[in-house]
């Protein structure tokens, strides 16, 4: 009855009825999924590795998911966003993958919670982390492993190309997670080799 009365009054004043029902917020929030931890009991962690994330271009430092058009044009999805700081989310996922892949290695994320003597530091420089409306998903990253003395003992240039349909952002986020898993695999293999050259 109350709403009807309001509509009648507003109708007489404006010539129409204003809908007073609240509008649903169409914004969706996403997180990168980390792997299930693997329990590796009885393994002595004899190597300390620090994970330093990340150098990221400024255009990625946003809660909005980044899309790329043809060439160098960047757009942002207004209603599809990261639910956490993207840099922290990427670091979290890479840390989890490396911890699973290297059960004999103690992985520490920067900033260190306590003074830690590190055998190696992994530095990652991210240059692409986006989807293209045409269907491509891309991650470009350079990585390096630095020894105790500050010398670079290994490095690589990582490229990942996945696919999505251009509209389902859950698929886009899942593909970006797949790319991070592959980046972790590449770095994990390199850590194993530099710590044990016989491999």
N, C-alpha and C. Protein backbone atom coordinates (compact mmCIF):
# COMPACT_ATOMS: atom_id res chain seq x y z
N UNK A 1 0.84 -1.20 0.00
CA UNK A 1 0.00 0.00 0.00
C UNK A 1 0.86 1.24 0.00
N UNK A 2 1.95 1.17 0.80
CA UNK A 2 2.84 2.34 0.90
C UNK A 2 3.49 2.64 -0.43
N UNK A 3 3.98 1.58 -1.09
CA UNK A 3 4.65 1.80 -2.37
C UNK A 3 3.67 2.33 -3.42
N UNK A 4 2.45 1.79 -3.39
CA UNK A 4 1.45 2.26 -4.34
C UNK A 4 1.17 3.73 -4.15
N UNK A 5 1.07 4.18 -2.89
CA UNK A 5 0.80 5.59 -2.60
C UNK A 5 1.93 6.46 -3.10
N UNK A 6 3.18 5.97 -2.88
CA UNK A 6 4.34 6.74 -3.36
C UNK A 6 4.30 6.87 -4.86
N UNK A 7 3.97 5.76 -5.52
CA UNK A 7 3.91 5.79 -6.98
C UNK A 7 2.84 6.75 -7.48
N UNK A 8 1.68 6.76 -6.78
CA UNK A 8 0.60 7.66 -7.19
C UNK A 8 1.04 9.10 -7.07
N UNK A 9 1.69 9.44 -5.94
CA UNK A 9 2.14 10.81 -5.73
C UNK A 9 3.18 11.19 -6.77
N UNK A 10 4.18 10.30 -6.97
CA UNK A 10 5.23 10.60 -7.93
C UNK A 10 4.69 10.65 -9.34
N UNK A 11 3.70 9.80 -9.62
CA UNK A 11 3.12 9.81 -10.95
C UNK A 11 2.47 11.15 -11.24
N UNK A 12 1.78 11.67 -10.23
CA UNK A 12 1.10 12.95 -10.44
C UNK A 12 2.11 14.09 -10.57
N UNK A 13 3.28 13.93 -9.95
CA UNK A 13 4.28 14.99 -10.00
C UNK A 13 5.17 14.90 -11.25
N UNK A 14 5.52 13.66 -11.63
CA UNK A 14 6.50 13.51 -12.71
C UNK A 14 5.93 12.83 -13.94
N UNK A 15 4.70 12.34 -13.84
CA UNK A 15 4.12 11.66 -14.99
C UNK A 15 4.55 10.21 -15.10
N UNK A 16 5.14 9.64 -14.07
CA UNK A 16 5.57 8.25 -14.10
C UNK A 16 5.80 7.73 -12.71
N UNK A 17 6.11 6.45 -12.62
CA UNK A 17 6.35 5.78 -11.34
C UNK A 17 7.82 5.40 -11.26
N UNK A 18 8.50 5.79 -10.19
CA UNK A 18 9.91 5.48 -10.00
C UNK A 18 10.03 4.18 -9.23
N UNK A 19 10.83 3.23 -9.75
CA UNK A 19 11.03 1.95 -9.09
C UNK A 19 11.98 2.13 -7.91
N UNK A 20 11.48 1.87 -6.69
CA UNK A 20 12.29 2.07 -5.49
C UNK A 20 13.03 0.81 -5.06
N UNK A 21 12.90 -0.29 -5.81
CA UNK A 21 13.62 -1.51 -5.46
C UNK A 21 15.12 -1.30 -5.64
N UNK A 22 15.96 -1.80 -4.71
CA UNK A 22 17.41 -1.65 -4.85
C UNK A 22 17.94 -2.45 -6.03
N UNK A 23 18.96 -1.94 -6.68
CA UNK A 23 19.57 -2.61 -7.82
C UNK A 23 20.71 -3.50 -7.33
N UNK A 24 20.81 -4.68 -7.89
CA UNK A 24 21.89 -5.59 -7.55
C UNK A 24 23.20 -5.11 -8.15
N UNK A 25 24.27 -5.19 -7.38
CA UNK A 25 25.59 -4.83 -7.88
C UNK A 25 26.10 -5.96 -8.78
N UNK A 26 26.37 -5.70 -10.06
CA UNK A 26 26.79 -6.76 -10.97
C UNK A 26 28.27 -7.13 -10.85
N UNK A 27 29.02 -6.46 -9.97
CA UNK A 27 30.45 -6.69 -9.87
C UNK A 27 30.74 -8.09 -9.34
N UNK A 28 31.68 -8.77 -9.99
CA UNK A 28 32.14 -10.08 -9.54
C UNK A 28 33.61 -9.98 -9.13
N UNK A 29 33.98 -10.73 -8.10
CA UNK A 29 35.34 -10.68 -7.57
C UNK A 29 35.98 -12.07 -7.68
N UNK A 30 37.27 -12.09 -8.04
CA UNK A 30 37.97 -13.34 -8.31
C UNK A 30 39.29 -13.40 -7.54
N UNK A 31 39.70 -14.63 -7.22
CA UNK A 31 41.02 -14.88 -6.65
C UNK A 31 41.72 -15.97 -7.46
N UNK A 32 43.02 -15.91 -7.50
CA UNK A 32 43.80 -16.96 -8.13
C UNK A 32 43.84 -18.15 -7.17
N UNK A 33 43.64 -19.35 -7.71
CA UNK A 33 43.56 -20.54 -6.89
C UNK A 33 44.93 -21.17 -6.71
N UNK A 34 45.29 -21.44 -5.46
CA UNK A 34 46.56 -22.10 -5.18
C UNK A 34 46.35 -23.60 -5.06
N UNK A 35 47.39 -24.40 -5.26
CA UNK A 35 47.24 -25.85 -5.19
C UNK A 35 47.06 -26.33 -3.76
N UNK A 36 46.53 -27.52 -3.62
CA UNK A 36 46.41 -28.14 -2.30
C UNK A 36 47.80 -28.48 -1.77
N UNK A 37 48.12 -28.07 -0.55
CA UNK A 37 49.47 -28.36 -0.02
C UNK A 37 49.74 -29.86 0.04
N UNK A 38 50.96 -30.24 -0.31
CA UNK A 38 51.39 -31.63 -0.22
C UNK A 38 52.19 -31.81 1.06
N UNK A 39 51.77 -32.75 1.90
CA UNK A 39 52.48 -33.01 3.15
C UNK A 39 53.66 -33.93 2.87
N UNK A 40 54.85 -33.38 3.06
CA UNK A 40 56.08 -34.14 2.81
C UNK A 40 56.77 -34.38 4.15
N UNK A 41 56.28 -35.35 4.91
CA UNK A 41 56.80 -35.60 6.24
C UNK A 41 58.16 -36.27 6.17
N UNK A 42 59.02 -35.94 7.13
CA UNK A 42 60.32 -36.60 7.23
C UNK A 42 61.38 -36.05 6.31
N UNK A 43 61.06 -35.00 5.52
CA UNK A 43 62.04 -34.42 4.60
C UNK A 43 62.71 -33.22 5.27
N UNK A 44 64.04 -33.27 5.36
CA UNK A 44 64.79 -32.19 5.96
C UNK A 44 64.97 -31.06 4.96
N UNK A 45 64.54 -29.87 5.35
CA UNK A 45 64.66 -28.72 4.45
C UNK A 45 66.06 -28.13 4.62
N UNK A 46 66.93 -28.44 3.69
CA UNK A 46 68.34 -28.04 3.79
C UNK A 46 68.68 -26.81 2.96
N UNK A 47 67.72 -26.28 2.22
CA UNK A 47 67.97 -25.14 1.34
C UNK A 47 66.95 -24.06 1.61
N UNK A 48 67.43 -22.83 1.74
CA UNK A 48 66.53 -21.69 1.97
C UNK A 48 66.49 -20.81 0.73
N UNK A 49 65.31 -20.61 0.22
CA UNK A 49 65.12 -19.81 -1.00
C UNK A 49 64.11 -18.70 -0.71
N UNK A 50 64.47 -17.49 -1.06
CA UNK A 50 63.57 -16.36 -0.89
C UNK A 50 62.89 -16.01 -2.19
N UNK A 51 61.60 -15.77 -2.11
CA UNK A 51 60.81 -15.43 -3.30
C UNK A 51 60.47 -13.96 -3.25
N UNK A 52 61.01 -13.21 -4.21
CA UNK A 52 60.79 -11.77 -4.27
C UNK A 52 59.88 -11.45 -5.44
N UNK A 53 58.66 -11.11 -5.14
CA UNK A 53 57.71 -10.68 -6.14
C UNK A 53 57.47 -9.20 -5.87
N UNK A 54 57.41 -8.47 -6.76
CA UNK A 54 57.46 -8.62 -8.20
C UNK A 54 57.76 -7.24 -8.73
N UNK A 55 58.37 -7.16 -9.84
CA UNK A 55 58.30 -5.92 -10.59
C UNK A 55 57.10 -6.03 -11.52
N UNK A 56 56.17 -5.11 -11.39
CA UNK A 56 54.96 -5.11 -12.20
C UNK A 56 54.76 -3.75 -12.84
N UNK A 57 54.32 -3.70 -14.09
CA UNK A 57 54.00 -2.41 -14.68
C UNK A 57 52.82 -1.76 -13.96
N UNK A 58 52.81 -0.45 -13.93
CA UNK A 58 51.78 0.28 -13.19
C UNK A 58 50.36 -0.05 -13.66
N UNK A 59 50.20 -0.34 -14.95
CA UNK A 59 48.84 -0.57 -15.44
C UNK A 59 48.21 -1.85 -14.88
N UNK A 60 49.04 -2.74 -14.32
CA UNK A 60 48.50 -3.95 -13.69
C UNK A 60 48.16 -3.74 -12.22
N UNK A 61 48.58 -2.63 -11.65
CA UNK A 61 48.37 -2.39 -10.22
C UNK A 61 46.99 -1.78 -10.00
N UNK A 62 45.99 -2.59 -10.22
CA UNK A 62 44.59 -2.18 -10.10
C UNK A 62 43.76 -3.38 -9.70
N UNK A 63 42.61 -3.13 -9.10
CA UNK A 63 41.72 -4.23 -8.75
C UNK A 63 40.93 -4.73 -9.96
N UNK A 64 40.88 -3.94 -11.01
CA UNK A 64 40.12 -4.32 -12.20
C UNK A 64 40.95 -5.28 -13.07
N UNK A 65 40.30 -6.32 -13.57
CA UNK A 65 40.99 -7.26 -14.45
C UNK A 65 41.33 -6.56 -15.76
N UNK A 66 42.57 -6.72 -16.18
CA UNK A 66 43.08 -6.01 -17.36
C UNK A 66 42.79 -6.81 -18.62
N UNK A 67 42.31 -6.11 -19.62
CA UNK A 67 42.09 -6.68 -20.94
C UNK A 67 42.92 -5.91 -21.96
N UNK A 68 43.34 -6.60 -22.98
CA UNK A 68 44.14 -5.98 -24.03
C UNK A 68 43.40 -6.09 -25.35
N UNK A 69 43.35 -4.98 -26.06
CA UNK A 69 42.78 -5.00 -27.40
C UNK A 69 43.91 -5.17 -28.41
N UNK A 70 43.67 -4.91 -29.65
CA UNK A 70 44.72 -5.03 -30.66
C UNK A 70 45.83 -4.02 -30.39
N UNK A 71 47.03 -4.44 -30.65
CA UNK A 71 48.16 -3.54 -30.47
C UNK A 71 48.44 -3.26 -29.00
N UNK A 72 48.56 -1.98 -28.66
CA UNK A 72 48.97 -1.60 -27.31
C UNK A 72 47.82 -1.01 -26.48
N UNK A 73 46.59 -1.15 -26.94
CA UNK A 73 45.46 -0.57 -26.21
C UNK A 73 45.06 -1.46 -25.04
N UNK A 74 44.95 -0.85 -23.86
CA UNK A 74 44.58 -1.53 -22.62
C UNK A 74 43.20 -1.05 -22.19
N UNK A 75 42.36 -2.00 -21.74
CA UNK A 75 41.07 -1.64 -21.15
C UNK A 75 40.94 -2.37 -19.81
N UNK A 76 39.98 -1.93 -19.01
CA UNK A 76 39.76 -2.52 -17.70
C UNK A 76 38.31 -2.95 -17.58
N UNK A 77 38.10 -4.13 -17.01
CA UNK A 77 36.74 -4.62 -16.79
C UNK A 77 36.17 -3.97 -15.53
N UNK A 78 35.14 -3.18 -15.70
CA UNK A 78 34.56 -2.44 -14.58
C UNK A 78 33.90 -3.37 -13.57
N UNK A 79 33.31 -4.47 -14.03
CA UNK A 79 32.52 -5.32 -13.16
C UNK A 79 33.16 -6.68 -12.88
N UNK A 80 34.42 -6.86 -13.27
CA UNK A 80 35.15 -8.09 -12.96
C UNK A 80 36.48 -7.69 -12.34
N UNK A 81 36.65 -8.01 -11.06
CA UNK A 81 37.78 -7.45 -10.31
C UNK A 81 38.47 -8.53 -9.48
N UNK A 82 39.70 -8.22 -9.11
CA UNK A 82 40.44 -9.07 -8.18
C UNK A 82 39.96 -8.80 -6.76
N UNK A 83 39.81 -9.87 -6.00
CA UNK A 83 39.35 -9.74 -4.63
C UNK A 83 40.50 -9.47 -3.65
N UNK A 84 41.73 -9.48 -4.14
CA UNK A 84 42.90 -9.20 -3.32
C UNK A 84 43.90 -8.43 -4.16
N UNK A 85 44.88 -7.87 -3.51
CA UNK A 85 45.97 -7.21 -4.22
C UNK A 85 46.60 -8.21 -5.19
N UNK A 86 46.69 -7.85 -6.46
CA UNK A 86 47.13 -8.81 -7.48
C UNK A 86 48.55 -9.28 -7.22
N UNK A 87 49.43 -8.38 -6.84
CA UNK A 87 50.82 -8.77 -6.57
C UNK A 87 50.88 -9.81 -5.45
N UNK A 88 50.11 -9.59 -4.39
CA UNK A 88 50.10 -10.53 -3.28
C UNK A 88 49.47 -11.86 -3.70
N UNK A 89 48.46 -11.81 -4.54
CA UNK A 89 47.82 -13.04 -5.00
C UNK A 89 48.77 -13.88 -5.84
N UNK A 90 49.51 -13.23 -6.74
CA UNK A 90 50.47 -13.95 -7.57
C UNK A 90 51.57 -14.57 -6.70
N UNK A 91 52.07 -13.80 -5.73
CA UNK A 91 53.10 -14.30 -4.83
C UNK A 91 52.60 -15.51 -4.04
N UNK A 92 51.37 -15.44 -3.58
CA UNK A 92 50.78 -16.53 -2.80
C UNK A 92 50.72 -17.82 -3.62
N UNK A 93 50.27 -17.71 -4.86
CA UNK A 93 50.13 -18.89 -5.71
C UNK A 93 51.49 -19.46 -6.10
N UNK A 94 52.44 -18.60 -6.47
CA UNK A 94 53.78 -19.09 -6.82
C UNK A 94 54.44 -19.77 -5.63
N UNK A 95 54.28 -19.18 -4.46
CA UNK A 95 54.84 -19.76 -3.24
C UNK A 95 54.28 -21.17 -3.00
N UNK A 96 52.98 -21.33 -3.15
CA UNK A 96 52.35 -22.63 -2.90
C UNK A 96 52.83 -23.68 -3.90
N UNK A 97 52.91 -23.29 -5.17
CA UNK A 97 53.38 -24.24 -6.18
C UNK A 97 54.83 -24.65 -5.91
N UNK A 98 55.70 -23.69 -5.59
CA UNK A 98 57.10 -24.01 -5.35
C UNK A 98 57.27 -24.87 -4.10
N UNK A 99 56.49 -24.58 -3.08
CA UNK A 99 56.56 -25.37 -1.85
C UNK A 99 56.17 -26.83 -2.12
N UNK A 100 55.21 -27.04 -3.00
CA UNK A 100 54.81 -28.41 -3.36
C UNK A 100 55.86 -29.09 -4.23
N UNK A 101 56.42 -28.33 -5.15
CA UNK A 101 57.37 -28.91 -6.11
C UNK A 101 58.72 -29.20 -5.47
N UNK A 102 59.09 -28.42 -4.45
CA UNK A 102 60.42 -28.55 -3.83
C UNK A 102 60.25 -28.84 -2.34
N UNK A 103 59.85 -30.05 -1.98
CA UNK A 103 59.59 -30.36 -0.57
C UNK A 103 60.83 -30.27 0.31
N UNK A 104 62.03 -30.36 -0.27
CA UNK A 104 63.24 -30.25 0.53
C UNK A 104 63.77 -28.84 0.64
N UNK A 105 62.99 -27.87 0.18
CA UNK A 105 63.43 -26.47 0.16
C UNK A 105 62.49 -25.63 1.02
N UNK A 106 63.06 -24.79 1.85
CA UNK A 106 62.25 -23.85 2.62
C UNK A 106 62.07 -22.59 1.78
N UNK A 107 60.84 -22.30 1.40
CA UNK A 107 60.53 -21.13 0.60
C UNK A 107 60.05 -20.01 1.52
N UNK A 108 60.65 -18.84 1.39
CA UNK A 108 60.25 -17.68 2.18
C UNK A 108 59.79 -16.58 1.24
N UNK A 109 58.66 -15.97 1.59
CA UNK A 109 58.14 -14.86 0.78
C UNK A 109 58.60 -13.54 1.36
N UNK A 110 58.94 -12.62 0.46
CA UNK A 110 59.30 -11.27 0.88
C UNK A 110 58.02 -10.49 1.23
N UNK A 111 58.03 -9.66 2.30
CA UNK A 111 59.15 -9.41 3.21
C UNK A 111 59.33 -10.55 4.20
N UNK A 112 60.58 -10.84 4.56
CA UNK A 112 60.88 -11.94 5.46
C UNK A 112 60.31 -11.63 6.84
N UNK A 113 59.70 -12.64 7.46
CA UNK A 113 59.11 -12.45 8.78
C UNK A 113 60.18 -12.41 9.88
N UNK A 114 61.37 -12.94 9.59
CA UNK A 114 62.47 -12.94 10.55
C UNK A 114 63.77 -12.94 9.76
N UNK A 115 64.87 -12.51 10.38
CA UNK A 115 66.17 -12.55 9.68
C UNK A 115 66.46 -13.97 9.19
N UNK A 116 66.69 -14.11 7.90
CA UNK A 116 66.87 -15.42 7.31
C UNK A 116 68.09 -15.41 6.40
N UNK A 117 68.95 -16.40 6.57
CA UNK A 117 70.09 -16.56 5.67
C UNK A 117 69.63 -17.37 4.47
N UNK A 118 69.60 -16.72 3.33
CA UNK A 118 69.07 -17.35 2.14
C UNK A 118 70.21 -17.91 1.28
N UNK A 119 69.99 -19.10 0.75
CA UNK A 119 70.93 -19.67 -0.21
C UNK A 119 70.74 -19.06 -1.59
N UNK A 120 69.48 -18.81 -1.94
CA UNK A 120 69.16 -18.21 -3.24
C UNK A 120 67.96 -17.29 -3.08
N UNK A 121 67.89 -16.31 -3.95
CA UNK A 121 66.73 -15.44 -4.05
C UNK A 121 66.18 -15.53 -5.47
N UNK A 122 64.87 -15.67 -5.57
CA UNK A 122 64.21 -15.70 -6.88
C UNK A 122 63.55 -14.35 -7.10
N UNK A 123 63.93 -13.69 -8.19
CA UNK A 123 63.33 -12.41 -8.55
C UNK A 123 62.47 -12.60 -9.80
N UNK A 124 61.28 -12.02 -9.78
CA UNK A 124 60.37 -12.16 -10.91
C UNK A 124 59.91 -10.78 -11.38
N UNK A 125 60.02 -10.57 -12.67
CA UNK A 125 59.57 -9.31 -13.27
C UNK A 125 58.44 -9.63 -14.25
N UNK A 126 57.24 -9.20 -13.88
CA UNK A 126 56.04 -9.50 -14.67
C UNK A 126 55.79 -8.36 -15.66
N UNK A 127 55.61 -8.70 -16.94
CA UNK A 127 55.34 -7.67 -17.95
C UNK A 127 53.96 -7.80 -18.59
N UNK A 128 53.37 -9.00 -18.53
CA UNK A 128 51.99 -9.17 -19.01
C UNK A 128 51.25 -10.14 -18.12
N UNK A 129 49.99 -9.82 -17.86
CA UNK A 129 49.13 -10.70 -17.07
C UNK A 129 47.71 -10.29 -17.40
N UNK A 130 47.23 -10.74 -18.56
CA UNK A 130 45.95 -10.21 -19.05
C UNK A 130 45.27 -11.18 -20.00
N UNK A 131 44.08 -10.79 -20.38
CA UNK A 131 43.33 -11.52 -21.40
C UNK A 131 43.05 -10.60 -22.58
N UNK A 132 42.90 -11.19 -23.73
CA UNK A 132 42.54 -10.45 -24.95
C UNK A 132 41.13 -10.85 -25.32
N UNK A 133 40.31 -9.87 -25.67
CA UNK A 133 38.90 -10.17 -25.97
C UNK A 133 38.75 -11.19 -27.09
N UNK A 134 39.72 -11.30 -27.95
CA UNK A 134 39.65 -12.29 -29.01
C UNK A 134 39.84 -13.72 -28.54
N UNK A 135 40.26 -13.91 -27.26
CA UNK A 135 40.36 -15.26 -26.74
C UNK A 135 41.70 -15.64 -26.16
N UNK A 136 42.74 -14.83 -26.32
CA UNK A 136 44.07 -15.17 -25.82
C UNK A 136 44.22 -14.79 -24.35
N UNK A 137 44.97 -15.61 -23.61
CA UNK A 137 45.37 -15.30 -22.24
C UNK A 137 46.90 -15.30 -22.22
N UNK A 138 47.50 -14.24 -21.70
CA UNK A 138 48.95 -14.12 -21.80
C UNK A 138 49.60 -13.76 -20.46
N UNK A 139 50.69 -14.47 -20.17
CA UNK A 139 51.59 -14.11 -19.07
C UNK A 139 52.99 -14.02 -19.64
N UNK A 140 53.65 -12.89 -19.44
CA UNK A 140 55.05 -12.73 -19.80
C UNK A 140 55.81 -12.35 -18.54
N UNK A 141 56.89 -13.05 -18.26
CA UNK A 141 57.65 -12.78 -17.04
C UNK A 141 59.11 -13.15 -17.24
N UNK A 142 59.99 -12.32 -16.70
CA UNK A 142 61.39 -12.66 -16.63
C UNK A 142 61.72 -13.06 -15.20
N UNK A 143 62.56 -14.05 -15.02
CA UNK A 143 62.93 -14.49 -13.68
C UNK A 143 64.44 -14.71 -13.59
N UNK A 144 64.95 -14.58 -12.39
CA UNK A 144 66.37 -14.84 -12.17
C UNK A 144 66.56 -15.43 -10.78
N UNK A 145 67.58 -16.26 -10.65
CA UNK A 145 67.95 -16.86 -9.36
C UNK A 145 69.30 -16.27 -8.97
N UNK A 146 69.35 -15.65 -7.81
CA UNK A 146 70.54 -14.93 -7.35
C UNK A 146 71.14 -15.67 -6.17
N UNK A 147 72.47 -15.87 -6.21
CA UNK A 147 73.16 -16.58 -5.15
C UNK A 147 73.47 -15.69 -3.96
N UNK A 148 74.13 -16.27 -2.95
CA UNK A 148 74.45 -15.54 -1.73
C UNK A 148 75.30 -14.30 -1.99
N UNK A 149 76.17 -14.42 -2.96
CA UNK A 149 77.07 -13.30 -3.25
C UNK A 149 76.50 -12.25 -4.17
N UNK A 150 75.23 -12.40 -4.53
CA UNK A 150 74.59 -11.42 -5.41
C UNK A 150 74.74 -11.74 -6.88
N UNK A 151 75.37 -12.87 -7.20
CA UNK A 151 75.56 -13.25 -8.59
C UNK A 151 74.33 -13.98 -9.12
N UNK A 152 73.99 -13.73 -10.39
CA UNK A 152 72.88 -14.43 -11.03
C UNK A 152 73.37 -15.80 -11.50
N UNK A 153 72.74 -16.85 -10.97
CA UNK A 153 73.18 -18.21 -11.30
C UNK A 153 72.31 -18.85 -12.38
N UNK A 154 71.14 -18.30 -12.60
CA UNK A 154 70.29 -18.77 -13.69
C UNK A 154 69.19 -17.74 -13.93
N UNK A 155 68.64 -17.73 -15.12
CA UNK A 155 67.57 -16.78 -15.45
C UNK A 155 66.78 -17.34 -16.62
N UNK A 156 65.61 -16.79 -16.83
CA UNK A 156 64.78 -17.25 -17.93
C UNK A 156 63.76 -16.21 -18.34
N UNK A 157 63.18 -16.42 -19.51
CA UNK A 157 62.15 -15.54 -20.05
C UNK A 157 60.92 -16.40 -20.31
N UNK A 158 59.90 -16.27 -19.48
CA UNK A 158 58.75 -17.15 -19.52
C UNK A 158 57.63 -16.56 -20.37
N UNK A 159 57.00 -17.40 -21.17
CA UNK A 159 55.85 -17.01 -21.97
C UNK A 159 54.76 -18.07 -21.84
N UNK A 160 53.55 -17.60 -21.54
CA UNK A 160 52.39 -18.49 -21.49
C UNK A 160 51.29 -17.92 -22.35
N UNK A 161 50.71 -18.76 -23.19
CA UNK A 161 49.56 -18.38 -24.00
C UNK A 161 48.45 -19.39 -23.78
N UNK A 162 47.36 -18.93 -23.18
CA UNK A 162 46.19 -19.77 -22.98
C UNK A 162 45.03 -19.23 -23.80
N UNK A 163 43.85 -19.81 -23.58
CA UNK A 163 42.68 -19.40 -24.34
C UNK A 163 41.47 -19.26 -23.41
N UNK A 164 40.59 -18.33 -23.74
CA UNK A 164 39.27 -18.21 -23.11
C UNK A 164 38.31 -17.70 -24.18
N UNK A 165 37.03 -17.68 -23.85
CA UNK A 165 36.05 -17.32 -24.88
C UNK A 165 35.80 -15.82 -24.99
N UNK A 166 36.50 -15.02 -24.20
CA UNK A 166 36.36 -13.57 -24.28
C UNK A 166 35.27 -12.98 -23.42
N UNK A 167 34.47 -13.84 -22.77
CA UNK A 167 33.37 -13.32 -21.94
C UNK A 167 33.33 -13.94 -20.54
N UNK A 168 33.74 -15.18 -20.37
CA UNK A 168 33.68 -15.86 -19.08
C UNK A 168 34.95 -15.59 -18.29
N UNK A 169 34.85 -14.66 -17.33
CA UNK A 169 36.04 -14.24 -16.60
C UNK A 169 36.56 -15.31 -15.65
N UNK A 170 35.69 -16.21 -15.21
CA UNK A 170 36.16 -17.32 -14.39
C UNK A 170 37.16 -18.18 -15.16
N UNK A 171 36.90 -18.37 -16.45
CA UNK A 171 37.82 -19.13 -17.30
C UNK A 171 39.13 -18.38 -17.47
N UNK A 172 39.05 -17.07 -17.65
CA UNK A 172 40.25 -16.24 -17.79
C UNK A 172 41.13 -16.38 -16.54
N UNK A 173 40.53 -16.25 -15.36
CA UNK A 173 41.29 -16.35 -14.11
C UNK A 173 41.89 -17.74 -13.96
N UNK A 174 41.13 -18.78 -14.32
CA UNK A 174 41.63 -20.15 -14.25
C UNK A 174 42.84 -20.34 -15.16
N UNK A 175 42.79 -19.78 -16.36
CA UNK A 175 43.90 -19.89 -17.29
C UNK A 175 45.13 -19.15 -16.79
N UNK A 176 44.92 -17.98 -16.18
CA UNK A 176 46.06 -17.27 -15.59
C UNK A 176 46.69 -18.10 -14.47
N UNK A 177 45.86 -18.80 -13.71
CA UNK A 177 46.38 -19.70 -12.68
C UNK A 177 47.19 -20.84 -13.27
N UNK A 178 46.74 -21.37 -14.40
CA UNK A 178 47.48 -22.43 -15.08
C UNK A 178 48.85 -21.91 -15.54
N UNK A 179 48.87 -20.68 -16.03
CA UNK A 179 50.14 -20.08 -16.44
C UNK A 179 51.10 -19.92 -15.27
N UNK A 180 50.59 -19.52 -14.11
CA UNK A 180 51.44 -19.38 -12.93
C UNK A 180 51.99 -20.73 -12.49
N UNK A 181 51.20 -21.78 -12.63
CA UNK A 181 51.69 -23.12 -12.29
C UNK A 181 52.86 -23.51 -13.19
N UNK A 182 52.76 -23.18 -14.47
CA UNK A 182 53.84 -23.49 -15.40
C UNK A 182 55.09 -22.64 -15.12
N UNK A 183 54.88 -21.38 -14.75
CA UNK A 183 56.01 -20.53 -14.36
C UNK A 183 56.71 -21.12 -13.13
N UNK A 184 55.94 -21.59 -12.16
CA UNK A 184 56.50 -22.21 -10.97
C UNK A 184 57.31 -23.46 -11.33
N UNK A 185 56.78 -24.26 -12.25
CA UNK A 185 57.49 -25.47 -12.68
C UNK A 185 58.85 -25.11 -13.27
N UNK A 186 58.87 -24.09 -14.12
CA UNK A 186 60.12 -23.69 -14.76
C UNK A 186 61.15 -23.22 -13.73
N UNK A 187 60.70 -22.41 -12.78
CA UNK A 187 61.61 -21.91 -11.74
C UNK A 187 62.04 -23.05 -10.83
N UNK A 188 61.11 -23.95 -10.49
CA UNK A 188 61.44 -25.07 -9.62
C UNK A 188 62.52 -25.96 -10.21
N UNK A 189 62.42 -26.25 -11.51
CA UNK A 189 63.44 -27.05 -12.18
C UNK A 189 64.79 -26.34 -12.11
N UNK A 190 64.79 -25.03 -12.32
CA UNK A 190 66.04 -24.26 -12.28
C UNK A 190 66.66 -24.27 -10.89
N UNK A 191 65.84 -24.13 -9.85
CA UNK A 191 66.36 -24.19 -8.48
C UNK A 191 66.99 -25.55 -8.19
N UNK A 192 66.33 -26.60 -8.64
CA UNK A 192 66.86 -27.94 -8.42
C UNK A 192 68.22 -28.11 -9.10
N UNK A 193 68.37 -27.55 -10.28
CA UNK A 193 69.62 -27.71 -11.02
C UNK A 193 70.76 -26.91 -10.40
N UNK A 194 70.48 -25.66 -9.99
CA UNK A 194 71.57 -24.84 -9.45
C UNK A 194 71.98 -25.33 -8.06
N UNK A 195 71.06 -25.92 -7.32
CA UNK A 195 71.40 -26.42 -5.99
C UNK A 195 72.05 -27.79 -6.03
N UNK A 196 71.83 -28.52 -7.14
CA UNK A 196 72.43 -29.85 -7.32
C UNK A 196 72.80 -29.99 -8.78
N UNK A 197 74.00 -29.52 -9.18
CA UNK A 197 74.40 -29.52 -10.59
C UNK A 197 74.41 -30.90 -11.22
N UNK A 198 74.41 -31.97 -10.41
CA UNK A 198 74.44 -33.32 -10.96
C UNK A 198 73.12 -33.73 -11.58
N UNK A 199 72.04 -32.96 -11.32
CA UNK A 199 70.72 -33.30 -11.86
C UNK A 199 70.65 -32.95 -13.34
